[in-house]
Amino acid sequence: MLLAANPLDDIANTRTIEGVAIDGRWLDRGELDELLESVSESYNAADDSLNASDPSA
C-alpha cells in the first residue's frame, strides 16, 4: 500500500491511499475508486432486489 502522507505523523494519513499492490498487480487510486463504485452498485442492486421481493420492507 502506498500512502500519500506519513501515518507516523498523523494516523489519519492511513486514509490517503494512493495505490495497492495485490498479487503483483498495481491498482492506482482511480482503479480503487472504480472497484469501490462497482461494489457499491452491486450491493445496492442486490438490496433493491431483496426489498422488492419482501412486501414487509
Protein backbone atom coordinates (compact mmCIF):
# COMPACT_ATOMS: atom_id res chain seq x y z
CA MET A 1 0.00 0.00 0.00
CA LEU A 2 1.28 3.41 -0.94
CA LEU A 3 0.07 6.33 1.16
CA ALA A 4 0.22 9.98 0.16
CA ALA A 5 1.34 11.03 3.65
CA ASN A 6 3.20 9.53 6.58
CA PRO A 7 0.90 7.75 9.07
CA LEU A 8 3.53 8.21 11.78
CA ASP A 9 2.95 11.96 11.55
CA ASP A 10 -0.84 11.62 11.77
CA ILE A 11 -2.80 8.37 11.98
CA ALA A 12 -5.47 9.94 9.72
CA ASN A 13 -2.92 9.65 6.90
CA THR A 14 -3.80 5.95 6.70
CA ARG A 15 -6.79 7.16 4.67
CA THR A 16 -4.62 8.75 1.97
CA ILE A 17 -4.24 5.58 -0.09
CA GLU A 18 -2.67 6.25 -3.48
CA GLY A 19 -2.47 2.63 -4.59
CA VAL A 20 -2.24 -1.01 -3.59
CA ALA A 21 -0.23 -3.95 -4.91
CA ILE A 22 -2.20 -7.20 -4.99
CA ASP A 23 -0.72 -10.44 -6.36
CA GLY A 24 1.84 -8.49 -8.35
CA ARG A 25 -0.78 -6.16 -9.84
CA TRP A 26 -0.74 -2.43 -9.09
CA LEU A 27 -4.09 -0.72 -8.53
CA ASP A 28 -3.87 3.07 -8.53
CA ARG A 29 -6.33 5.44 -6.84
CA GLY A 30 -8.53 5.60 -9.95
CA GLU A 31 -8.81 1.82 -10.21
CA LEU A 32 -9.55 1.53 -6.50
CA ASP A 33 -12.31 4.12 -6.81
CA GLU A 34 -13.80 2.22 -9.79
CA LEU A 35 -13.78 -1.03 -7.80
CA LEU A 36 -15.45 0.65 -4.82
CA GLU A 37 -18.13 2.13 -7.07
CA SER A 38 -18.75 -1.26 -8.70
CA VAL A 39 -19.12 -2.98 -5.34
CA SER A 40 -21.44 -0.24 -4.11
CA GLU A 41 -23.64 -0.52 -7.22
CA SER A 42 -23.78 -4.32 -6.90
CA TYR A 43 -24.71 -4.08 -3.23
CA ASN A 44 -27.42 -1.51 -3.91
CA ALA A 45 -28.86 -3.60 -6.75
CA ALA A 46 -28.95 -6.71 -4.54
CA ASP A 47 -30.52 -4.74 -1.70
CA ASP A 48 -33.16 -3.29 -4.04
CA SER A 49 -33.93 -6.76 -5.35
CA LEU A 50 -34.38 -8.14 -1.85
CA ASN A 51 -36.62 -5.24 -0.81
CA ALA A 52 -38.76 -5.61 -3.94
CA SER A 53 -39.46 -9.25 -3.15
CA ASP A 54 -40.20 -8.60 0.54
CA PRO A 55 -43.63 -6.99 0.96
CA SER A 56 -42.92 -6.15 4.63
CA ALA A 57 -39.92 -3.95 3.70
